Protein backbone atom coordinates (compact mmCIF):
# COMPACT_ATOMS: atom_id res chain seq x y z
CA UNK A 1 -49.54 -82.85 47.21
CA UNK A 2 -46.37 -80.64 48.06
CA UNK A 3 -46.38 -78.20 50.57
CA UNK A 4 -44.25 -75.38 49.31
CA UNK A 5 -44.74 -73.64 45.95
CA UNK A 6 -42.01 -74.36 43.98
CA UNK A 7 -42.68 -78.44 44.89
CA UNK A 8 -46.37 -77.70 43.62
CA UNK A 9 -45.26 -75.78 40.48
CA UNK A 10 -43.06 -78.72 39.50
CA UNK A 11 -45.88 -80.47 39.80
CA UNK A 12 -48.13 -78.83 37.72
CA UNK A 13 -45.40 -78.78 34.85
CA UNK A 14 -44.16 -82.52 35.45
CA UNK A 15 -47.73 -83.89 35.63
CA UNK A 16 -48.85 -82.50 32.56
CA UNK A 17 -45.65 -83.28 30.59
CA UNK A 18 -45.68 -86.98 31.43
CA UNK A 19 -49.40 -87.20 30.46
CA UNK A 20 -48.76 -85.34 26.86
CA UNK A 21 -45.67 -88.15 26.90
CA UNK A 22 -48.05 -91.16 26.88
CA UNK A 23 -50.80 -89.70 25.20
CA UNK A 24 -48.18 -88.92 22.29
CA UNK A 25 -46.77 -92.45 22.73
CA UNK A 26 -50.18 -93.73 22.93
CA UNK A 27 -51.17 -91.84 19.41
CA UNK A 28 -47.91 -92.62 17.68
CA UNK A 29 -48.04 -96.33 18.82
CA UNK A 30 -51.54 -96.54 17.21
CA UNK A 31 -50.03 -95.06 13.73
CA UNK A 32 -46.96 -96.53 14.09
CA UNK A 33 -48.36 -100.15 14.07
CA UNK A 34 -51.04 -99.18 11.26
CA UNK A 35 -48.03 -98.42 9.01
CA UNK A 36 -45.96 -101.79 9.99
CA UNK A 37 -49.14 -103.66 9.26
CA UNK A 38 -49.31 -102.06 5.91
CA UNK A 39 -45.81 -102.36 5.16
CA UNK A 40 -46.15 -106.45 5.78
CA UNK A 41 -49.46 -106.31 3.38
CA UNK A 42 -47.92 -104.63 0.96
CA UNK A 43 -44.79 -106.76 1.03
CA UNK A 44 -47.01 -109.46 0.96
CA UNK A 45 -48.71 -108.48 -2.16
CA UNK A 46 -44.94 -107.82 -4.03
CA UNK A 47 -44.40 -111.19 -3.49
CA UNK A 48 -47.77 -112.70 -4.78
CA UNK A 49 -47.39 -110.86 -7.61
CA UNK A 50 -43.65 -112.45 -8.15
CA UNK A 51 -45.54 -115.51 -7.91
CA UNK A 52 -48.55 -115.68 -9.59
CA UNK A 53 -46.57 -115.03 -12.92
CA UNK A 54 -44.50 -118.17 -12.16
CA UNK A 55 -47.84 -119.65 -11.64
CA UNK A 56 -49.12 -118.71 -14.65
CA UNK A 57 -46.02 -120.04 -17.01
CA UNK A 58 -46.46 -123.50 -14.99
CA UNK A 59 -48.58 -124.71 -17.85
CA UNK A 60 -47.66 -128.49 -16.99
CA UNK A 61 -48.02 -130.33 -13.86
CA UNK A 62 -44.40 -130.96 -13.34
CA UNK A 63 -43.53 -127.54 -13.84
CA UNK A 64 -46.10 -125.98 -11.19
CA UNK A 65 -44.89 -128.87 -8.60
CA UNK A 66 -41.45 -127.43 -9.33
CA UNK A 67 -42.63 -123.88 -8.79
CA UNK A 68 -44.36 -125.00 -5.45
CA UNK A 69 -40.71 -126.61 -4.42
CA UNK A 70 -39.42 -123.12 -5.15
CA UNK A 71 -41.97 -121.16 -3.06
CA UNK A 72 -41.13 -123.47 -0.06
CA UNK A 73 -37.50 -122.67 -0.20
CA UNK A 74 -38.17 -119.10 -0.87
CA UNK A 75 -40.71 -118.58 2.26
CA UNK A 76 -38.50 -120.94 4.59
CA UNK A 77 -37.46 -119.33 7.65
CA UNK A 78 -38.90 -116.15 6.66
CA UNK A 79 -42.55 -116.95 8.83
CA UNK A 80 -44.09 -116.35 5.51
CA UNK A 81 -46.77 -119.20 5.07
CA UNK A 82 -48.43 -120.38 1.72
CA UNK A 83 -51.85 -121.02 0.37
CA UNK A 84 -54.20 -121.90 -2.43
CA UNK A 85 -57.29 -120.64 -2.22
CA UNK A 86 -59.73 -123.08 -4.04
CA UNK A 87 -62.91 -121.94 -5.35
CA UNK A 88 -65.11 -124.25 -2.53
CA UNK A 89 -63.26 -122.08 0.15
CA UNK A 90 -60.22 -124.62 1.50
CA UNK A 91 -57.55 -123.91 1.78
CA UNK A 92 -53.97 -126.12 0.11
CA UNK A 93 -50.65 -125.54 1.90
CA UNK A 94 -48.04 -125.42 0.04
CA UNK A 95 -45.75 -124.78 3.02
CA UNK A 96 -45.68 -128.17 4.22
CA UNK A 97 -43.98 -127.28 7.77
CA UNK A 98 -45.70 -129.67 10.57
CA UNK A 99 -47.31 -127.03 13.15
CA UNK A 100 -48.16 -124.58 10.39
CA UNK A 101 -51.80 -122.54 10.77
CA UNK A 102 -54.21 -121.90 8.05
CA UNK A 103 -56.85 -119.37 7.63
CA UNK A 104 -59.75 -119.64 9.59
CA UNK A 105 -62.10 -118.81 7.24
CA UNK A 106 -62.21 -118.33 3.58
CA UNK A 107 -60.97 -115.24 1.84
CA UNK A 108 -64.35 -113.60 -0.48
CA UNK A 109 -62.88 -113.08 -3.49
CA UNK A 110 -65.24 -110.37 -5.53
CA UNK A 111 -67.15 -111.60 -8.38
CA UNK A 112 -65.43 -109.46 -10.86
CA UNK A 113 -62.08 -109.65 -9.63
CA UNK A 114 -59.29 -110.10 -12.44
CA UNK A 115 -56.29 -111.72 -12.47
CA UNK A 116 -53.40 -110.44 -10.51
CA UNK A 117 -55.44 -108.18 -8.46
CA UNK A 118 -54.40 -108.43 -4.67
CA UNK A 119 -57.00 -108.37 -1.73
CA UNK A 120 -55.20 -107.64 2.05
CA UNK A 121 -56.18 -107.26 5.26
CA UNK A 122 -56.23 -109.46 8.38
CA UNK A 123 -57.29 -112.49 10.13
CA UNK A 124 -57.16 -114.87 13.21
CA UNK A 125 -56.03 -118.09 12.01
CA UNK A 126 -56.19 -121.25 13.16
CA UNK A 127 -53.37 -120.88 15.88
CA UNK A 128 -55.10 -118.34 17.27
CA UNK A 129 -53.13 -115.39 16.40
CA UNK A 130 -54.09 -112.57 13.90
CA UNK A 131 -52.51 -112.70 10.45
CA UNK A 132 -51.86 -110.89 8.05
CA UNK A 133 -52.52 -111.65 4.49
CA UNK A 134 -52.62 -110.71 0.62
CA UNK A 135 -54.63 -112.92 -1.36
CA UNK A 136 -53.74 -112.36 -4.98
CA UNK A 137 -56.31 -113.87 -7.31
CA UNK A 138 -55.29 -116.26 -10.13
CA UNK A 139 -58.42 -116.81 -11.79
CA UNK A 140 -62.03 -115.00 -11.63
CA UNK A 141 -64.20 -117.04 -9.28
CA UNK A 142 -66.25 -118.80 -11.52
CA UNK A 143 -63.29 -120.63 -13.14
CA UNK A 144 -62.05 -124.45 -11.78
CA UNK A 145 -59.08 -124.65 -9.89
CA UNK A 146 -57.57 -122.53 -7.65
CA UNK A 147 -58.81 -119.12 -7.26
CA UNK A 148 -56.00 -116.98 -5.67
CA UNK A 149 -52.48 -117.51 -3.70
CA UNK A 150 -52.89 -116.15 -0.06
CA UNK A 151 -49.61 -115.28 1.63
CA UNK A 152 -49.64 -114.70 5.15
CA UNK A 153 -47.73 -113.61 8.21
CA UNK A 154 -48.33 -113.16 11.70
CA UNK A 155 -48.84 -109.79 13.09
CA UNK A 156 -46.45 -108.21 14.77
CA UNK A 157 -47.11 -104.64 14.12
CA UNK A 158 -47.89 -104.15 17.66
CA UNK A 159 -44.61 -104.92 18.76
CA UNK A 160 -43.27 -103.39 16.22
CA UNK A 161 -44.44 -100.72 17.01
CA UNK A 162 -43.95 -100.74 20.97
CA UNK A 163 -40.27 -101.48 19.81
CA UNK A 164 -39.97 -98.11 17.91
CA UNK A 165 -41.56 -96.22 21.01
CA UNK A 166 -39.22 -97.68 23.36
CA UNK A 167 -36.15 -96.89 21.11
CA UNK A 168 -37.61 -92.90 20.39
CA UNK A 169 -38.44 -92.39 24.34
CA UNK A 170 -35.11 -91.77 25.46
CA UNK A 171 -35.00 -88.94 22.81
CA UNK A 172 -38.92 -87.95 23.83
CA UNK A 173 -37.49 -87.59 27.27
CA UNK A 174 -34.28 -85.44 26.38
CA UNK A 175 -36.49 -83.08 24.53
CA UNK A 176 -38.92 -82.53 27.04
CA UNK A 177 -36.88 -82.04 29.60
CA UNK A 178 -34.77 -79.78 27.47
CA UNK A 179 -38.34 -77.57 27.09
CA UNK A 180 -39.94 -78.31 30.06
CA UNK A 181 -36.84 -77.44 32.74
CA UNK A 182 -36.02 -73.88 31.62
CA UNK A 183 -39.96 -72.95 31.35
CA UNK A 184 -40.69 -74.61 35.11
CA UNK A 185 -37.20 -72.21 36.40
CA UNK A 186 -38.36 -69.67 34.88
CA UNK A 187 -41.82 -70.18 36.45
CA UNK A 188 -40.42 -70.68 39.70
CA UNK A 189 -38.12 -67.98 39.51
CA UNK A 190 -40.72 -65.25 38.40
CA UNK A 191 -42.94 -66.43 40.78
CA UNK A 192 -41.75 -68.21 43.62
CA UNK A 193 -38.14 -65.37 43.97
CA UNK A 194 -40.74 -62.24 44.33
CA UNK A 195 -42.80 -64.44 47.03
CA UNK A 196 -39.68 -65.29 49.32
CA UNK A 197 -38.70 -61.42 49.08
CA UNK A 198 -42.13 -60.65 50.27
CA UNK A 199 -42.00 -63.37 52.80
CA UNK A 200 -38.55 -61.96 54.19
CA UNK A 201 -39.50 -58.38 54.28
CA UNK A 202 -42.65 -59.35 56.07
CA UNK A 203 -41.01 -61.00 58.13
CA UNK A 204 -38.42 -57.78 58.93
CA UNK A 205 -41.31 -55.57 59.34
CA UNK A 206 -42.07 -56.12 63.28
CA UNK A 207 -38.45 -55.51 63.86
CA UNK A 208 -39.24 -51.95 62.33
CA UNK A 209 -35.77 -52.25 60.77
CA UNK A 210 -36.55 -50.12 57.97
CA UNK A 211 -38.00 -51.18 54.46
CA UNK A 212 -36.69 -50.31 50.83
CA UNK A 213 -39.54 -51.14 48.45
CA UNK A 214 -39.25 -54.30 46.15
CA UNK A 215 -38.77 -54.33 42.83
CA UNK A 216 -41.70 -55.13 40.63
CA UNK A 217 -41.24 -58.37 39.02
CA UNK A 218 -43.09 -61.69 38.06
CA UNK A 219 -46.31 -61.93 36.98
CA UNK A 220 -49.19 -59.36 36.96
CA UNK A 221 -50.47 -60.50 40.36
CA UNK A 222 -47.41 -60.37 42.06
CA UNK A 223 -46.49 -57.23 41.08
CA UNK A 224 -49.85 -55.58 42.03
CA UNK A 225 -49.04 -57.73 45.68
CA UNK A 226 -45.60 -56.40 45.62
CA UNK A 227 -47.02 -53.20 45.23
CA UNK A 228 -49.73 -53.10 47.83
CA UNK A 229 -47.09 -54.36 49.51
CA UNK A 230 -44.73 -51.60 49.54
CA UNK A 231 -47.61 -48.87 50.08
CA UNK A 232 -48.62 -51.06 52.99
CA UNK A 233 -44.61 -50.85 54.44
CA UNK A 234 -44.66 -47.10 53.74
CA UNK A 235 -47.52 -46.41 55.48
CA UNK A 236 -45.99 -48.50 58.55
CA UNK A 237 -43.25 -46.76 58.44
CA UNK A 238 -44.83 -43.09 58.70
CA UNK A 239 -47.01 -43.97 61.11
CA UNK A 240 -43.77 -45.24 63.06
CA UNK A 241 -42.02 -42.00 62.22
CA UNK A 242 -45.35 -39.94 63.65
CA UNK A 243 -46.15 -42.11 66.51
CA UNK A 244 -42.14 -41.41 67.25
CA UNK A 245 -43.00 -37.54 66.94
CA UNK A 246 -46.31 -37.98 69.01
CA UNK A 247 -44.25 -39.74 71.91
CA UNK A 248 -41.73 -37.03 71.45
CA UNK A 249 -44.29 -34.53 71.85
CA UNK A 250 -46.12 -36.11 74.49
CA UNK A 251 -42.46 -36.08 76.78
CA UNK A 252 -42.40 -32.45 75.91
CA UNK A 253 -45.77 -31.79 77.29
CA UNK A 254 -45.76 -33.49 80.02
CA UNK A 255 -42.57 -32.86 81.34
CA UNK A 256 -43.69 -29.14 81.83
CA UNK A 257 -46.79 -29.65 84.00
CA UNK A 258 -44.69 -32.31 85.93
CA UNK A 259 -41.68 -30.30 86.75
CA UNK A 260 -44.13 -27.67 87.92
CA UNK A 261 -45.98 -29.81 90.10
CA UNK A 262 -43.17 -31.20 91.24
CA UNK A 263 -41.45 -28.26 92.40
CA UNK A 264 -44.41 -26.38 94.00
CA UNK A 265 -44.82 -29.38 95.70
CA UNK A 266 -41.48 -29.56 97.56
CA UNK A 267 -41.73 -25.87 97.96
CA UNK A 268 -44.67 -26.97 100.16
CA UNK A 269 -43.19 -30.08 101.51
CA UNK A 270 -40.38 -28.27 102.90
CA UNK A 271 -41.74 -25.32 103.87
CA UNK A 272 -40.47 -22.96 101.53
CA UNK A 273 -43.99 -21.73 100.38
CA UNK A 274 -45.88 -20.85 103.35
CA UNK A 275 -48.90 -17.97 103.54
CA UNK A 276 -49.72 -16.91 100.18
CA UNK A 277 -47.12 -18.35 98.02
CA UNK A 278 -48.75 -21.84 99.38
CA UNK A 279 -51.75 -20.75 98.12
CA UNK A 280 -50.26 -19.73 94.57
CA UNK A 281 -48.16 -23.18 95.03
CA UNK A 282 -51.61 -25.31 95.63
CA UNK A 283 -53.63 -23.31 92.62
CA UNK A 284 -50.67 -23.96 90.51
CA UNK A 285 -50.82 -27.57 90.95
CA UNK A 286 -54.57 -27.94 90.70
CA UNK A 287 -54.31 -25.94 87.26
CA UNK A 288 -51.40 -28.23 86.15
CA UNK A 289 -52.82 -31.18 87.10
CA UNK A 290 -56.01 -29.99 85.54
CA UNK A 291 -53.81 -29.42 82.50
CA UNK A 292 -52.46 -33.18 82.39
CA UNK A 293 -56.04 -34.43 82.45
CA UNK A 294 -56.77 -32.28 79.89
CA UNK A 295 -54.22 -33.87 77.65
CA UNK A 296 -54.85 -37.14 78.38
CA UNK A 297 -58.55 -36.96 77.31
CA UNK A 298 -58.03 -35.16 74.40
CA UNK A 299 -54.93 -38.07 73.57
CA UNK A 300 -58.11 -40.54 74.43
CA UNK A 301 -60.14 -38.64 71.71
CA UNK A 302 -57.88 -38.56 69.31
CA UNK A 303 -57.12 -42.39 69.51
CA UNK A 304 -61.24 -43.23 69.17
CA UNK A 305 -61.73 -41.11 66.53
CA UNK A 306 -59.48 -42.94 64.34
CA UNK A 307 -61.82 -45.73 64.45
CA UNK A 308 -63.93 -43.47 61.98
CA UNK A 309 -67.71 -43.26 61.96
CA UNK A 310 -68.61 -46.09 64.01
CA UNK A 311 -68.93 -44.21 66.95
CA UNK A 312 -71.35 -41.36 65.86
CA UNK A 313 -74.65 -40.80 67.03
CA UNK A 314 -76.27 -38.97 64.44
CA UNK A 315 -79.44 -36.72 64.77
CA UNK A 316 -81.08 -33.89 63.12
CA UNK A 317 -78.90 -30.45 63.52
CA UNK A 318 -79.41 -26.85 62.95
CA UNK A 319 -76.64 -24.74 62.24
CA UNK A 320 -78.24 -21.80 63.94
CA UNK A 321 -78.99 -22.95 66.66
CA UNK A 322 -75.81 -24.70 67.10
CA UNK A 323 -74.05 -21.43 66.74
CA UNK A 324 -76.52 -19.66 69.63
CA UNK A 325 -75.67 -22.03 72.07
CA UNK A 326 -71.83 -22.61 71.66
CA UNK A 327 -71.87 -18.63 71.76
CA UNK A 328 -73.76 -19.14 75.22
CA UNK A 329 -71.55 -21.35 76.54
CA UNK A 330 -68.68 -18.99 75.84
CA UNK A 331 -70.20 -15.80 76.41
CA UNK A 332 -69.07 -15.59 80.54
CA UNK A 333 -65.18 -16.51 79.63
CA UNK A 334 -65.11 -13.92 76.38
CA UNK A 335 -66.46 -11.13 78.31
CA UNK A 336 -63.75 -11.82 81.28
CA UNK A 337 -61.07 -11.68 78.23
CA UNK A 338 -62.88 -8.69 77.29
CA UNK A 339 -63.50 -10.24 74.03
CA UNK A 340 -66.98 -9.74 71.87
CA UNK A 341 -68.25 -12.80 70.77
CA UNK A 342 -70.57 -12.46 67.94
CA UNK A 343 -72.89 -14.58 65.63
CA UNK A 344 -73.64 -13.66 62.51
CA UNK A 345 -76.76 -13.76 60.05
CA UNK A 346 -79.68 -14.84 61.35
CA UNK A 347 -79.59 -16.83 64.80
CA UNK A 348 -83.45 -17.32 64.87
CA UNK A 349 -84.16 -21.27 63.92
CA UNK A 350 -86.89 -21.51 61.25
CA UNK A 351 -86.01 -17.62 60.28
CA UNK A 352 -83.71 -18.45 57.48
CA UNK A 353 -82.32 -20.77 55.15
CA UNK A 354 -83.72 -24.12 55.83
CA UNK A 355 -80.13 -25.72 54.31
CA UNK A 356 -78.76 -24.93 57.06
CA UNK A 357 -80.22 -27.95 58.76
CA UNK A 358 -78.04 -31.05 58.39
CA UNK A 359 -77.45 -34.69 60.58
CA UNK A 360 -74.91 -34.86 62.40
CA UNK A 361 -73.32 -36.31 66.07
CA UNK A 362 -74.33 -33.38 68.30
CA UNK A 363 -71.76 -34.39 70.90
CA UNK A 364 -68.86 -34.32 68.59
CA UNK A 365 -70.52 -30.78 66.99
CA UNK A 366 -70.31 -29.41 70.43
CA UNK A 367 -66.65 -31.18 71.16
CA UNK A 368 -65.78 -29.04 67.39
CA UNK A 369 -66.98 -25.21 68.58
CA UNK A 370 -65.45 -25.30 71.65
CA UNK A 371 -62.14 -25.94 70.41
CA UNK A 372 -62.72 -23.80 67.39
CA UNK A 373 -63.76 -20.78 69.93
CA UNK A 374 -61.28 -21.47 72.87
CA UNK A 375 -58.57 -21.10 70.13
CA UNK A 376 -59.82 -17.78 68.59
CA UNK A 377 -60.56 -16.65 72.26
CA UNK A 378 -57.14 -16.91 72.79
CA UNK A 379 -55.89 -15.36 69.83
CA UNK A 380 -58.40 -12.87 70.08
CA UNK A 381 -56.59 -10.92 73.04
CA UNK A 382 -59.53 -8.31 73.72
CA UNK A 383 -60.89 -7.89 70.07
CA UNK A 384 -63.28 -9.75 68.44
CA UNK A 385 -64.63 -13.32 67.32
CA UNK A 386 -67.28 -14.49 65.14
CA UNK A 387 -69.10 -17.47 64.91
CA UNK A 388 -71.36 -18.19 61.07
CA UNK A 389 -72.86 -20.51 59.32
CA UNK A 390 -73.61 -20.40 55.71
CA UNK A 391 -74.23 -23.47 52.83
CA UNK A 392 -71.82 -24.97 50.16
CA UNK A 393 -72.39 -24.78 46.65
CA UNK A 394 -75.82 -26.63 46.21
CA UNK A 395 -74.15 -29.47 44.51
CA UNK A 396 -72.05 -30.38 47.25
CA UNK A 397 -74.66 -30.38 49.43
CA UNK A 398 -72.77 -28.83 52.73
CA UNK A 399 -73.22 -26.82 55.89
CA UNK A 400 -69.66 -24.55 56.36
CA UNK A 401 -69.07 -23.51 60.26
CA UNK A 402 -66.62 -20.98 60.45
CA UNK A 403 -64.65 -19.38 63.68
CA UNK A 404 -62.70 -16.19 62.64
CA UNK A 405 -60.93 -13.78 65.14
CA UNK A 406 -58.98 -10.73 64.71
CA UNK A 407 -55.77 -11.88 66.18
CA UNK A 408 -52.28 -11.77 64.82
CA UNK A 409 -53.35 -14.85 62.65
CA UNK A 410 -50.90 -17.66 61.41
CA UNK A 411 -47.28 -17.28 61.12
CA UNK A 412 -46.24 -18.05 57.41
CA UNK A 413 -46.55 -21.79 56.45
CA UNK A 414 -48.46 -22.24 60.21
CA UNK A 415 -51.99 -22.72 58.39
CA UNK A 416 -51.32 -25.55 56.30
CA UNK A 417 -49.84 -27.38 59.74
CA UNK A 418 -52.59 -26.22 62.11
CA UNK A 419 -54.44 -29.61 62.27
CA UNK A 420 -51.21 -31.72 63.23
CA UNK A 421 -51.34 -32.94 66.41
CA UNK A 422 -49.01 -31.13 69.05
CA UNK A 423 -48.45 -28.49 66.64
CA UNK A 424 -48.01 -25.06 67.80
CA UNK A 425 -46.26 -22.82 65.72
CA UNK A 426 -47.93 -19.84 67.71
CA UNK A 427 -48.02 -19.63 71.38
CA UNK A 428 -50.48 -17.27 71.37
CA UNK A 429 -53.03 -19.12 69.28
CA UNK A 430 -52.34 -22.59 71.76
CA UNK A 431 -53.24 -20.43 74.71
CA UNK A 432 -51.46 -22.62 76.86
CA UNK A 433 -53.21 -25.84 75.35
CA UNK A 434 -51.60 -29.12 74.02
CA UNK A 435 -51.74 -28.73 70.72
CA UNK A 436 -54.62 -30.93 69.98
CA UNK A 437 -57.68 -29.05 69.67
CA UNK A 438 -57.86 -28.70 66.06
CA UNK A 439 -56.11 -32.05 65.68
CA UNK A 440 -59.23 -33.54 67.51
CA UNK A 441 -61.25 -31.15 65.13
CA UNK A 442 -60.12 -32.39 62.27
CA UNK A 443 -60.70 -36.05 63.16
CA UNK A 444 -63.92 -35.34 63.87
CA UNK A 445 -64.96 -33.89 60.54
CA UNK A 446 -63.27 -36.70 58.78
CA UNK A 447 -65.29 -38.92 60.87
CA UNK A 448 -68.45 -37.16 59.32
CA UNK A 449 -66.57 -37.53 55.90
CA UNK A 450 -66.40 -33.28 55.84
CA UNK A 451 -62.79 -31.39 55.45
CA UNK A 452 -61.64 -28.44 57.63
CA UNK A 453 -59.30 -26.01 56.37
CA UNK A 454 -57.07 -22.68 58.32
CA UNK A 455 -56.43 -19.66 56.77
CA UNK A 456 -55.59 -15.98 57.25
CA UNK A 457 -58.30 -13.29 56.58
CA UNK A 458 -57.41 -9.30 55.40
CA UNK A 459 -56.86 -7.40 57.01
CA UNK A 460 -56.45 -9.27 60.52
CA UNK A 461 -56.81 -12.20 62.05
CA UNK A 462 -57.54 -15.55 61.04
CA UNK A 463 -60.21 -18.62 60.40
CA UNK A 464 -60.71 -21.54 60.78
CA UNK A 465 -63.91 -23.41 59.33
CA UNK A 466 -64.90 -26.68 58.89
CA UNK A 467 -67.28 -28.25 55.73
CA UNK A 468 -70.00 -30.91 56.65
CA UNK A 469 -71.95 -32.62 54.48
CA UNK A 470 -75.68 -32.47 55.65
CA UNK A 471 -75.64 -35.82 55.48
CA UNK A 472 -72.77 -38.18 57.28
CA UNK A 473 -71.07 -39.82 54.39
CA UNK A 474 -71.01 -43.77 55.28
CA UNK A 475 -67.55 -45.08 55.91
């Protein structure tokens, strides 16, 4: 079996074509052999009809001998042998050539046969070969004397048919090539061409040299494969672009704290910062180091969340209890910033809508609420932050957790990009963070099968909400 596709296609086309040739040749050989045999019998019958007329007119023995002599002369060299079939089933050979064969058995003449009727067939003669014969009835079977004149010729119909086929074979081969070759080339081109382009494009993918969508050509399966490859390549290009942007943003976010740390470290080492300045320098180094640690931790969290729901540990969650505990964690920070942190609605577990109970990963929910509240506290700037939980439409069986602040809100166009990595259109809302807080929220929510939304509220402020299914969707 050839290893390449082109060789296999050629083999698949050529083998059936050869098999078709052989089957056709065999069938035509049988048909031509039958036609040759029938033609030979018909020719013998025609000769027999002419002889019977002459034998009928030969009334006298002298004349009969003359007719026999004429028959011998007429068939000499033609291979035709002439016999008279007697009433007892034996034969009188009119052609007295030495070594001539006689029929291997009597020819049955029907009782109702009439003079001039011809019987034809095939029979094995005394020489062991198959002969074709034509027996023309001279008189009824109950009469005296010869019953029939028999003419025979060795059966060469098969050899003749094979000869005809050998003569026609070159034409059959030429026709087969003229028909099969274009079909083979068309098949190889329609299948092999797109596959070769796919192979070349696949080899170019690791180099990152860029990808142009391949044309959708060939059979349906090849077009579908090409379409999926184009989609995969486009997604890979997008991922590479996001990776490049991520690295650029990461370099930017790492450069600032590293610059600060390096500057203050130099001031401490060369004695420029002393006394209170040295204390402030040390505090700044500690703060910037903590910022770097948070940045690295958040980057790791985002990458782990790319694996989807496989890392989640779902458990029953009461939305009211979640909001209460989350508010309690940030109560001191809110008070220090002069912000009123409030949970809206009934917060006593078991006292309100049972639809606020759902199943989720508690650790992920704590991280989601912490990021949302941190962003809201940074934006509120001495105002208010409200936490709320509601049920979604009945048909959706969802729970909606929202954090609202009365800060400046999102700048125009920023709400749609709020969940992108490192996106900080409003430094006030970023609060000096890494720009990954809402990106982590979106990934945790997506791992549960939910969605996250950001919007401005009237007359002032912004709201970030997450919609979670009451039971996490299987991934």
